[in-house]
Amino acid sequence: MDKIFSEANALTDVLIPIFHHFHRFPELSFKEFETTRFIREELKRLDLDILDLGMETGVAALLKGKHSNRLAALRADMDAVPVTEDEGHAV
């Protein structure tokens, strides 16, 4: 478990700017065009196979592992919740 935390901490400099980007440019359901583009570019940078969903928003990619007989899936929402935030709150 320590190895996982160590590897996650090593990604902090990469993940924090991505987190801030999403919070600076929130998009509501079915309007996540910039979010989709951003995630697609990040997945391409990781050299993952982008799957064609036939949709304007949303993205899926294929991560191939060492064993072809195993499968895992990860799903995440990418739409924003319509809220008004305090203007003084730093993201």
PDB file of N, CA and C in Angstrom:
ATOM      1  N   MET A   1       0.816  -1.184   0.000  1.00  0.00           N
ATOM      2  CA  MET A   1       0.000   0.000   0.000  1.00  0.00           C
ATOM      3  C   MET A   1       0.868   1.260   0.000  1.00  0.00           C
ATOM      4  N   ASP A   2       2.005   1.205   0.687  1.00  0.00           N
ATOM      5  CA  ASP A   2       2.905   2.360   0.717  1.00  0.00           C
ATOM      6  C   ASP A   2       3.397   2.705  -0.683  1.00  0.00           C
ATOM      7  N   LYS A   3       3.611   1.684  -1.518  1.00  0.00           N
ATOM      8  CA  LYS A   3       4.081   1.924  -2.881  1.00  0.00           C
ATOM      9  C   LYS A   3       3.021   2.692  -3.683  1.00  0.00           C
ATOM     10  N   ILE A   4       1.760   2.349  -3.515  1.00  0.00           N
ATOM     11  CA  ILE A   4       0.674   3.040  -4.222  1.00  0.00           C
ATOM     12  C   ILE A   4       0.624   4.503  -3.802  1.00  0.00           C
ATOM     13  N   PHE A   5       0.697   4.774  -2.489  1.00  0.00           N
ATOM     14  CA  PHE A   5       0.684   6.154  -2.010  1.00  0.00           C
ATOM     15  C   PHE A   5       1.906   6.917  -2.508  1.00  0.00           C
ATOM     16  N   SER A   6       3.027   6.267  -2.532  1.00  0.00           N
ATOM     17  CA  SER A   6       4.256   6.899  -3.011  1.00  0.00           C
ATOM     18  C   SER A   6       4.130   7.280  -4.488  1.00  0.00           C
ATOM     19  N   GLU A   7       3.600   6.368  -5.295  1.00  0.00           N
ATOM     20  CA  GLU A   7       3.421   6.645  -6.718  1.00  0.00           C
ATOM     21  C   GLU A   7       2.374   7.731  -6.944  1.00  0.00           C
ATOM     22  N   ALA A   8       1.301   7.725  -6.149  1.00  0.00           N
ATOM     23  CA  ALA A   8       0.273   8.764  -6.269  1.00  0.00           C
ATOM     24  C   ALA A   8       0.843  10.128  -5.895  1.00  0.00           C
ATOM     25  N   ASN A   9       1.618  10.190  -4.833  1.00  0.00           N
ATOM     26  CA  ASN A   9       2.242  11.451  -4.423  1.00  0.00           C
ATOM     27  C   ASN A   9       3.207  11.971  -5.480  1.00  0.00           C
ATOM     28  N   ALA A  10       3.855  11.080  -6.196  1.00  0.00           N
ATOM     29  CA  ALA A  10       4.778  11.489  -7.251  1.00  0.00           C
ATOM     30  C   ALA A  10       4.043  12.168  -8.413  1.00  0.00           C
ATOM     31  N   LEU A  11       2.739  11.925  -8.538  1.00  0.00           N
ATOM     32  CA  LEU A  11       1.939  12.511  -9.614  1.00  0.00           C
ATOM     33  C   LEU A  11       1.274  13.832  -9.225  1.00  0.00           C
ATOM     34  N   THR A  12       1.499  14.285  -8.020  1.00  0.00           N
ATOM     35  CA  THR A  12       0.845  15.497  -7.529  1.00  0.00           C
ATOM     36  C   THR A  12       1.059  16.675  -8.469  1.00  0.00           C
ATOM     37  N   ASP A  13       2.269  16.883  -8.949  1.00  0.00           N
ATOM     38  CA  ASP A  13       2.558  18.024  -9.822  1.00  0.00           C
ATOM     39  C   ASP A  13       1.812  17.948 -11.150  1.00  0.00           C
ATOM     40  N   VAL A  14       1.421  16.763 -11.558  1.00  0.00           N
ATOM     41  CA  VAL A  14       0.662  16.580 -12.790  1.00  0.00           C
ATOM     42  C   VAL A  14      -0.843  16.692 -12.513  1.00  0.00           C
ATOM     43  N   LEU A  15      -1.306  16.091 -11.435  1.00  0.00           N
ATOM     44  CA  LEU A  15      -2.735  16.007 -11.169  1.00  0.00           C
ATOM     45  C   LEU A  15      -3.363  17.292 -10.630  1.00  0.00           C
ATOM     46  N   ILE A  16      -2.643  18.054  -9.844  1.00  0.00           N
ATOM     47  CA  ILE A  16      -3.205  19.279  -9.263  1.00  0.00           C
ATOM     48  C   ILE A  16      -3.585  20.289 -10.347  1.00  0.00           C
ATOM     49  N   PRO A  17      -2.739  20.554 -11.350  1.00  0.00           N
ATOM     50  CA  PRO A  17      -3.167  21.477 -12.418  1.00  0.00           C
ATOM     51  C   PRO A  17      -4.387  20.966 -13.194  1.00  0.00           C
ATOM     52  N   ILE A  18      -4.510  19.669 -13.383  1.00  0.00           N
ATOM     53  CA  ILE A  18      -5.678  19.102 -14.056  1.00  0.00           C
ATOM     54  C   ILE A  18      -6.925  19.342 -13.202  1.00  0.00           C
ATOM     55  N   PHE A  19      -6.823  19.097 -11.929  1.00  0.00           N
ATOM     56  CA  PHE A  19      -7.924  19.356 -10.989  1.00  0.00           C
ATOM     57  C   PHE A  19      -8.362  20.818 -11.079  1.00  0.00           C
ATOM     58  N   HIS A  20      -7.393  21.733 -11.060  1.00  0.00           N
ATOM     59  CA  HIS A  20      -7.706  23.156 -11.131  1.00  0.00           C
ATOM     60  C   HIS A  20      -8.355  23.514 -12.471  1.00  0.00           C
ATOM     61  N   HIS A  21      -7.900  22.924 -13.551  1.00  0.00           N
ATOM     62  CA  HIS A  21      -8.486  23.186 -14.865  1.00  0.00           C
ATOM     63  C   HIS A  21      -9.981  22.833 -14.869  1.00  0.00           C
ATOM     64  N   PHE A  22     -10.312  21.652 -14.383  1.00  0.00           N
ATOM     65  CA  PHE A  22     -11.711  21.228 -14.357  1.00  0.00           C
ATOM     66  C   PHE A  22     -12.580  22.163 -13.513  1.00  0.00           C
ATOM     67  N   HIS A  23     -12.037  22.663 -12.419  1.00  0.00           N
ATOM     68  CA  HIS A  23     -12.820  23.536 -11.553  1.00  0.00           C
ATOM     69  C   HIS A  23     -12.904  24.965 -12.080  1.00  0.00           C
ATOM     70  N   ARG A  24     -11.956  25.364 -12.911  1.00  0.00           N
ATOM     71  CA  ARG A  24     -12.026  26.697 -13.515  1.00  0.00           C
ATOM     72  C   ARG A  24     -12.976  26.743 -14.694  1.00  0.00           C
ATOM     73  N   PHE A  25     -13.160  25.604 -15.367  1.00  0.00           N
ATOM     74  CA  PHE A  25     -13.986  25.537 -16.576  1.00  0.00           C
ATOM     75  C   PHE A  25     -15.065  24.458 -16.454  1.00  0.00           C
ATOM     76  N   PRO A  26     -15.989  24.604 -15.503  1.00  0.00           N
ATOM     77  CA  PRO A  26     -17.033  23.590 -15.322  1.00  0.00           C
ATOM     78  C   PRO A  26     -18.032  23.609 -16.483  1.00  0.00           C
ATOM     79  N   GLU A  27     -18.528  22.426 -16.840  1.00  0.00           N
ATOM     80  CA  GLU A  27     -19.523  22.307 -17.905  1.00  0.00           C
ATOM     81  C   GLU A  27     -20.644  21.388 -17.435  1.00  0.00           C
ATOM     82  N   LEU A  28     -21.883  21.781 -17.724  1.00  0.00           N
ATOM     83  CA  LEU A  28     -23.041  21.005 -17.301  1.00  0.00           C
ATOM     84  C   LEU A  28     -23.238  19.779 -18.193  1.00  0.00           C
ATOM     85  N   SER A  29     -24.120  18.889 -17.781  1.00  0.00           N
ATOM     86  CA  SER A  29     -24.394  17.635 -18.497  1.00  0.00           C
ATOM     87  C   SER A  29     -24.680  17.862 -19.978  1.00  0.00           C
ATOM     88  N   PHE A  30     -24.097  17.016 -20.789  1.00  0.00           N
ATOM     89  CA  PHE A  30     -24.251  17.020 -22.240  1.00  0.00           C
ATOM     90  C   PHE A  30     -23.712  18.292 -22.887  1.00  0.00           C
ATOM     91  N   LYS A  31     -22.949  19.078 -22.120  1.00  0.00           N
ATOM     92  CA  LYS A  31     -22.304  20.268 -22.659  1.00  0.00           C
ATOM     93  C   LYS A  31     -20.810  20.249 -22.340  1.00  0.00           C
ATOM     94  N   GLU A  32     -20.276  19.088 -22.053  1.00  0.00           N
ATOM     95  CA  GLU A  32     -18.875  18.955 -21.619  1.00  0.00           C
ATOM     96  C   GLU A  32     -17.927  18.849 -22.814  1.00  0.00           C
ATOM     97  N   PHE A  33     -18.024  19.799 -23.737  1.00  0.00           N
ATOM     98  CA  PHE A  33     -17.217  19.742 -24.954  1.00  0.00           C
ATOM     99  C   PHE A  33     -15.737  19.986 -24.672  1.00  0.00           C
ATOM    100  N   GLU A  34     -15.439  21.032 -23.898  1.00  0.00           N
ATOM    101  CA  GLU A  34     -14.047  21.326 -23.547  1.00  0.00           C
ATOM    102  C   GLU A  34     -13.492  20.247 -22.620  1.00  0.00           C
ATOM    103  N   THR A  35     -14.297  19.785 -21.697  1.00  0.00           N
ATOM    104  CA  THR A  35     -13.857  18.732 -20.780  1.00  0.00           C
ATOM    105  C   THR A  35     -13.524  17.463 -21.553  1.00  0.00           C
ATOM    106  N   THR A  36     -14.367  17.101 -22.503  1.00  0.00           N
ATOM    107  CA  THR A  36     -14.119  15.916 -23.336  1.00  0.00           C
ATOM    108  C   THR A  36     -12.820  16.087 -24.115  1.00  0.00           C
ATOM    109  N   ARG A  37     -12.640  17.272 -24.727  1.00  0.00           N
ATOM    110  CA  ARG A  37     -11.423  17.529 -25.497  1.00  0.00           C
ATOM    111  C   ARG A  37     -10.189  17.426 -24.599  1.00  0.00           C
ATOM    112  N   PHE A  38     -10.269  18.036 -23.420  1.00  0.00           N
ATOM    113  CA  PHE A  38      -9.146  18.038 -22.489  1.00  0.00           C
ATOM    114  C   PHE A  38      -8.777  16.616 -22.069  1.00  0.00           C
ATOM    115  N   ILE A  39      -9.771  15.831 -21.691  1.00  0.00           N
ATOM    116  CA  ILE A  39      -9.511  14.452 -21.250  1.00  0.00           C
ATOM    117  C   ILE A  39      -8.972  13.614 -22.403  1.00  0.00           C
ATOM    118  N   ARG A  40      -9.543  13.792 -23.588  1.00  0.00           N
ATOM    119  CA  ARG A  40      -9.073  13.064 -24.770  1.00  0.00           C
ATOM    120  C   ARG A  40      -7.581  13.344 -25.014  1.00  0.00           C
ATOM    121  N   GLU A  41      -7.186  14.612 -24.913  1.00  0.00           N
ATOM    122  CA  GLU A  41      -5.779  14.972 -25.112  1.00  0.00           C
ATOM    123  C   GLU A  41      -4.887  14.352 -24.036  1.00  0.00           C
ATOM    124  N   GLU A  42      -5.350  14.338 -22.802  1.00  0.00           N
ATOM    125  CA  GLU A  42      -4.560  13.726 -21.726  1.00  0.00           C
ATOM    126  C   GLU A  42      -4.409  12.221 -21.955  1.00  0.00           C
ATOM    127  N   LEU A  43      -5.473  11.561 -22.401  1.00  0.00           N
ATOM    128  CA  LEU A  43      -5.407  10.120 -22.670  1.00  0.00           C
ATOM    129  C   LEU A  43      -4.486   9.821 -23.852  1.00  0.00           C
ATOM    130  N   LYS A  44      -4.510  10.682 -24.861  1.00  0.00           N
ATOM    131  CA  LYS A  44      -3.595  10.518 -26.002  1.00  0.00           C
ATOM    132  C   LYS A  44      -2.154  10.670 -25.554  1.00  0.00           C
ATOM    133  N   ARG A  45      -1.923  11.640 -24.652  1.00  0.00           N
ATOM    134  CA  ARG A  45      -0.570  11.867 -24.126  1.00  0.00           C
ATOM    135  C   ARG A  45      -0.047  10.616 -23.404  1.00  0.00           C
ATOM    136  N   LEU A  46      -0.982   9.854 -22.845  1.00  0.00           N
ATOM    137  CA  LEU A  46      -0.614   8.601 -22.175  1.00  0.00           C
ATOM    138  C   LEU A  46      -0.522   7.436 -23.159  1.00  0.00           C
ATOM    139  N   ASP A  47      -0.742   7.727 -24.444  1.00  0.00           N
ATOM    140  CA  ASP A  47      -0.666   6.748 -25.522  1.00  0.00           C
ATOM    141  C   ASP A  47      -1.708   5.631 -25.375  1.00  0.00           C
ATOM    142  N   LEU A  48      -2.912   6.018 -24.925  1.00  0.00           N
ATOM    143  CA  LEU A  48      -4.003   5.066 -24.802  1.00  0.00           C
ATOM    144  C   LEU A  48      -4.839   5.081 -26.079  1.00  0.00           C
ATOM    145  N   ASP A  49      -5.456   3.968 -26.390  1.00  0.00           N
ATOM    146  CA  ASP A  49      -6.340   3.873 -27.546  1.00  0.00           C
ATOM    147  C   ASP A  49      -7.680   4.500 -27.197  1.00  0.00           C
ATOM    148  N   ILE A  50      -8.042   5.564 -27.908  1.00  0.00           N
ATOM    149  CA  ILE A  50      -9.323   6.240 -27.696  1.00  0.00           C
ATOM    150  C   ILE A  50     -10.399   5.467 -28.453  1.00  0.00           C
ATOM    151  N   LEU A  51     -11.478   5.151 -27.783  1.00  0.00           N
ATOM    152  CA  LEU A  51     -12.583   4.421 -28.404  1.00  0.00           C
ATOM    153  C   LEU A  51     -13.621   5.401 -28.936  1.00  0.00           C
ATOM    154  N   ASP A  52     -14.152   5.123 -30.110  1.00  0.00           N
ATOM    155  CA  ASP A  52     -15.169   5.979 -30.704  1.00  0.00           C
ATOM    156  C   ASP A  52     -16.524   5.640 -30.096  1.00  0.00           C
ATOM    157  N   LEU A  53     -17.067   6.580 -29.328  1.00  0.00           N
ATOM    158  CA  LEU A  53     -18.364   6.387 -28.685  1.00  0.00           C
ATOM    159  C   LEU A  53     -19.506   6.855 -29.574  1.00  0.00           C
ATOM    160  N   GLY A  54     -19.169   7.577 -30.642  1.00  0.00           N
ATOM    161  CA  GLY A  54     -20.201   8.121 -31.510  1.00  0.00           C
ATOM    162  C   GLY A  54     -20.999   9.221 -30.831  1.00  0.00           C
ATOM    163  N   MET A  55     -20.373   9.886 -29.850  1.00  0.00           N
ATOM    164  CA  MET A  55     -21.044  10.943 -29.092  1.00  0.00           C
ATOM    165  C   MET A  55     -20.166  12.188 -29.092  1.00  0.00           C
ATOM    166  N   GLU A  56     -20.788  13.349 -28.906  1.00  0.00           N
ATOM    167  CA  GLU A  56     -20.019  14.591 -28.857  1.00  0.00           C
ATOM    168  C   GLU A  56     -19.341  14.804 -27.510  1.00  0.00           C
ATOM    169  N   THR A  57     -19.942  14.287 -26.457  1.00  0.00           N
ATOM    170  CA  THR A  57     -19.352  14.435 -25.128  1.00  0.00           C
ATOM    171  C   THR A  57     -19.115  13.056 -24.542  1.00  0.00           C
ATOM    172  N   GLY A  58     -18.124  12.977 -23.686  1.00  0.00           N
ATOM    173  CA  GLY A  58     -17.744  11.694 -23.089  1.00  0.00           C
ATOM    174  C   GLY A  58     -16.573  11.103 -23.848  1.00  0.00           C
ATOM    175  N   VAL A  59     -15.809  10.331 -23.166  1.00  0.00           N
ATOM    176  CA  VAL A  59     -14.633   9.714 -23.779  1.00  0.00           C
ATOM    177  C   VAL A  59     -14.366   8.380 -23.100  1.00  0.00           C
ATOM    178  N   ALA A  60     -13.865   7.450 -23.876  1.00  0.00           N
ATOM    179  CA  ALA A  60     -13.462   6.141 -23.349  1.00  0.00           C
ATOM    180  C   ALA A  60     -12.140   5.772 -23.994  1.00  0.00           C
ATOM    181  N   ALA A  61     -11.315   5.095 -23.248  1.00  0.00           N
ATOM    182  CA  ALA A  61     -10.009   4.685 -23.761  1.00  0.00           C
ATOM    183  C   ALA A  61      -9.717   3.266 -23.306  1.00  0.00           C
ATOM    184  N   LEU A  62      -8.858   2.618 -24.039  1.00  0.00           N
ATOM    185  CA  LEU A  62      -8.478   1.243 -23.753  1.00  0.00           C
ATOM    186  C   LEU A  62      -7.054   1.217 -23.218  1.00  0.00           C
ATOM    187  N   LEU A  63      -6.907   0.667 -22.029  1.00  0.00           N
ATOM    188  CA  LEU A  63      -5.607   0.474 -21.403  1.00  0.00           C
ATOM    189  C   LEU A  63      -5.333  -1.018 -21.390  1.00  0.00           C
ATOM    190  N   LYS A  64      -4.346  -1.434 -22.149  1.00  0.00           N
ATOM    191  CA  LYS A  64      -4.029  -2.864 -22.242  1.00  0.00           C
ATOM    192  C   LYS A  64      -2.978  -3.231 -21.204  1.00  0.00           C
ATOM    193  N   GLY A  65      -3.242  -4.321 -20.512  1.00  0.00           N
ATOM    194  CA  GLY A  65      -2.309  -4.805 -19.506  1.00  0.00           C
ATOM    195  C   GLY A  65      -1.510  -5.991 -20.002  1.00  0.00           C
ATOM    196  N   LYS A  66      -0.848  -6.640 -19.104  1.00  0.00           N
ATOM    197  CA  LYS A  66      -0.009  -7.792 -19.445  1.00  0.00           C
ATOM    198  C   LYS A  66      -0.825  -9.043 -19.730  1.00  0.00           C
ATOM    199  N   HIS A  67      -2.009  -9.160 -19.122  1.00  0.00           N
ATOM    200  CA  HIS A  67      -2.810 -10.371 -19.225  1.00  0.00           C
ATOM    201  C   HIS A  67      -4.085 -10.090 -20.019  1.00  0.00           C
ATOM    202  N   SER A  68      -4.238 -10.733 -21.141  1.00  0.00           N
ATOM    203  CA  SER A  68      -5.390 -10.454 -22.000  1.00  0.00           C
ATOM    204  C   SER A  68      -6.690 -11.060 -21.469  1.00  0.00           C
ATOM    205  N   ASN A  69      -6.619 -11.931 -20.482  1.00  0.00           N
ATOM    206  CA  ASN A  69      -7.827 -12.583 -19.972  1.00  0.00           C
ATOM    207  C   ASN A  69      -8.444 -11.849 -18.779  1.00  0.00           C
ATOM    208  N   ARG A  70      -7.943 -10.650 -18.471  1.00  0.00           N
ATOM    209  CA  ARG A  70      -8.481  -9.886 -17.350  1.00  0.00           C
ATOM    210  C   ARG A  70      -9.044  -8.568 -17.854  1.00  0.00           C
ATOM    211  N   LEU A  71     -10.089  -8.097 -17.173  1.00  0.00           N
ATOM    212  CA  LEU A  71     -10.751  -6.873 -17.585  1.00  0.00           C
ATOM    213  C   LEU A  71     -11.120  -6.051 -16.365  1.00  0.00           C
ATOM    214  N   ALA A  72     -10.901  -4.771 -16.472  1.00  0.00           N
ATOM    215  CA  ALA A  72     -11.328  -3.837 -15.429  1.00  0.00           C
ATOM    216  C   ALA A  72     -11.917  -2.622 -16.122  1.00  0.00           C
ATOM    217  N   ALA A  73     -12.877  -1.993 -15.495  1.00  0.00           N
ATOM    218  CA  ALA A  73     -13.499  -0.800 -16.061  1.00  0.00           C
ATOM    219  C   ALA A  73     -13.539   0.287 -15.001  1.00  0.00           C
ATOM    220  N   LEU A  74     -13.402   1.513 -15.451  1.00  0.00           N
ATOM    221  CA  LEU A  74     -13.473   2.667 -14.569  1.00  0.00           C
ATOM    222  C   LEU A  74     -14.424   3.662 -15.199  1.00  0.00           C
ATOM    223  N   ARG A  75     -15.346   4.170 -14.430  1.00  0.00           N
ATOM    224  CA  ARG A  75     -16.311   5.147 -14.917  1.00  0.00           C
ATOM    225  C   ARG A  75     -16.271   6.362 -14.002  1.00  0.00           C
ATOM    226  N   ALA A  76     -16.357   7.537 -14.602  1.00  0.00           N
ATOM    227  CA  ALA A  76     -16.370   8.760 -13.811  1.00  0.00           C
ATOM    228  C   ALA A  76     -17.269   9.791 -14.465  1.00  0.00           C
ATOM    229  N   ASP A  77     -18.003  10.518 -13.655  1.00  0.00           N
ATOM    230  CA  ASP A  77     -18.799  11.630 -14.164  1.00  0.00           C
ATOM    231  C   ASP A  77     -17.865  12.794 -14.445  1.00  0.00           C
ATOM    232  N   MET A  78     -18.209  13.599 -15.451  1.00  0.00           N
ATOM    233  CA  MET A  78     -17.370  14.748 -15.766  1.00  0.00           C
ATOM    234  C   MET A  78     -18.180  16.031 -15.904  1.00  0.00           C
ATOM    235  N   ASP A  79     -19.465  15.952 -15.558  1.00  0.00           N
ATOM    236  CA  ASP A  79     -20.289  17.148 -15.630  1.00  0.00           C
ATOM    237  C   ASP A  79     -20.246  17.901 -14.305  1.00  0.00           C
ATOM    238  N   ALA A  80     -20.453  19.213 -14.414  1.00  0.00           N
ATOM    239  CA  ALA A  80     -20.429  20.068 -13.233  1.00  0.00           C
ATOM    240  C   ALA A  80     -21.816  20.136 -12.600  1.00  0.00           C
ATOM    241  N   VAL A  81     -21.830  20.486 -11.341  1.00  0.00           N
ATOM    242  CA  VAL A  81     -23.075  20.712 -10.615  1.00  0.00           C
ATOM    243  C   VAL A  81     -23.288  22.224 -10.596  1.00  0.00           C
ATOM    244  N   PRO A  82     -24.465  22.698 -11.006  1.00  0.00           N
ATOM    245  CA  PRO A  82     -24.689  24.148 -11.046  1.00  0.00           C
ATOM    246  C   PRO A  82     -24.820  24.749  -9.653  1.00  0.00           C
ATOM    247  N   VAL A  83     -23.739  25.328  -9.160  1.00  0.00           N
ATOM    248  CA  VAL A  83     -23.726  25.980  -7.851  1.00  0.00           C
ATOM    249  C   VAL A  83     -23.056  27.342  -7.991  1.00  0.00           C
ATOM    250  N   THR A  84     -23.367  28.226  -7.082  1.00  0.00           N
ATOM    251  CA  THR A  84     -22.706  29.527  -7.028  1.00  0.00           C
ATOM    252  C   THR A  84     -21.686  29.470  -5.899  1.00  0.00           C
ATOM    253  N   GLU A  85     -20.429  29.763  -6.261  1.00  0.00           N
ATOM    254  CA  GLU A  85     -19.375  29.717  -5.258  1.00  0.00           C
ATOM    255  C   GLU A  85     -19.017  31.119  -4.804  1.00  0.00           C
ATOM    256  N   ASP A  86     -18.451  31.202  -3.625  1.00  0.00           N
ATOM    257  CA  ASP A  86     -17.951  32.448  -3.080  1.00  0.00           C
ATOM    258  C   ASP A  86     -16.824  32.957  -3.976  1.00  0.00           C
ATOM    259  N   GLU A  87     -16.919  34.195  -4.428  1.00  0.00           N
ATOM    260  CA  GLU A  87     -15.932  34.769  -5.345  1.00  0.00           C
ATOM    261  C   GLU A  87     -14.517  34.776  -4.742  1.00  0.00           C
ATOM    262  N   GLY A  88     -14.409  34.844  -3.436  1.00  0.00           N
ATOM    263  CA  GLY A  88     -13.106  34.896  -2.786  1.00  0.00           C
ATOM    264  C   GLY A  88     -12.448  33.536  -2.616  1.00  0.00           C
ATOM    265  N   HIS A  89     -13.164  32.489  -2.997  1.00  0.00           N
ATOM    266  CA  HIS A  89     -12.640  31.132  -2.812  1.00  0.00           C
ATOM    267  C   HIS A  89     -11.641  30.799  -3.906  1.00  0.00           C
ATOM    268  N   ALA A  90     -10.429  30.469  -3.535  1.00  0.00           N
ATOM    269  CA  ALA A  90      -9.411  30.095  -4.513  1.00  0.00           C
ATOM    270  C   ALA A  90      -9.582  28.655  -4.920  1.00  0.00           C
ATOM    271  N   VAL A  91      -9.398  28.375  -6.205  1.00  0.00           N
ATOM    272  CA  VAL A  91      -9.505  27.009  -6.719  1.00  0.00           C
ATOM    273  C   VAL A  91      -8.130  26.450  -6.886  1.00  0.00           C
TER     274      VAL A  91
END
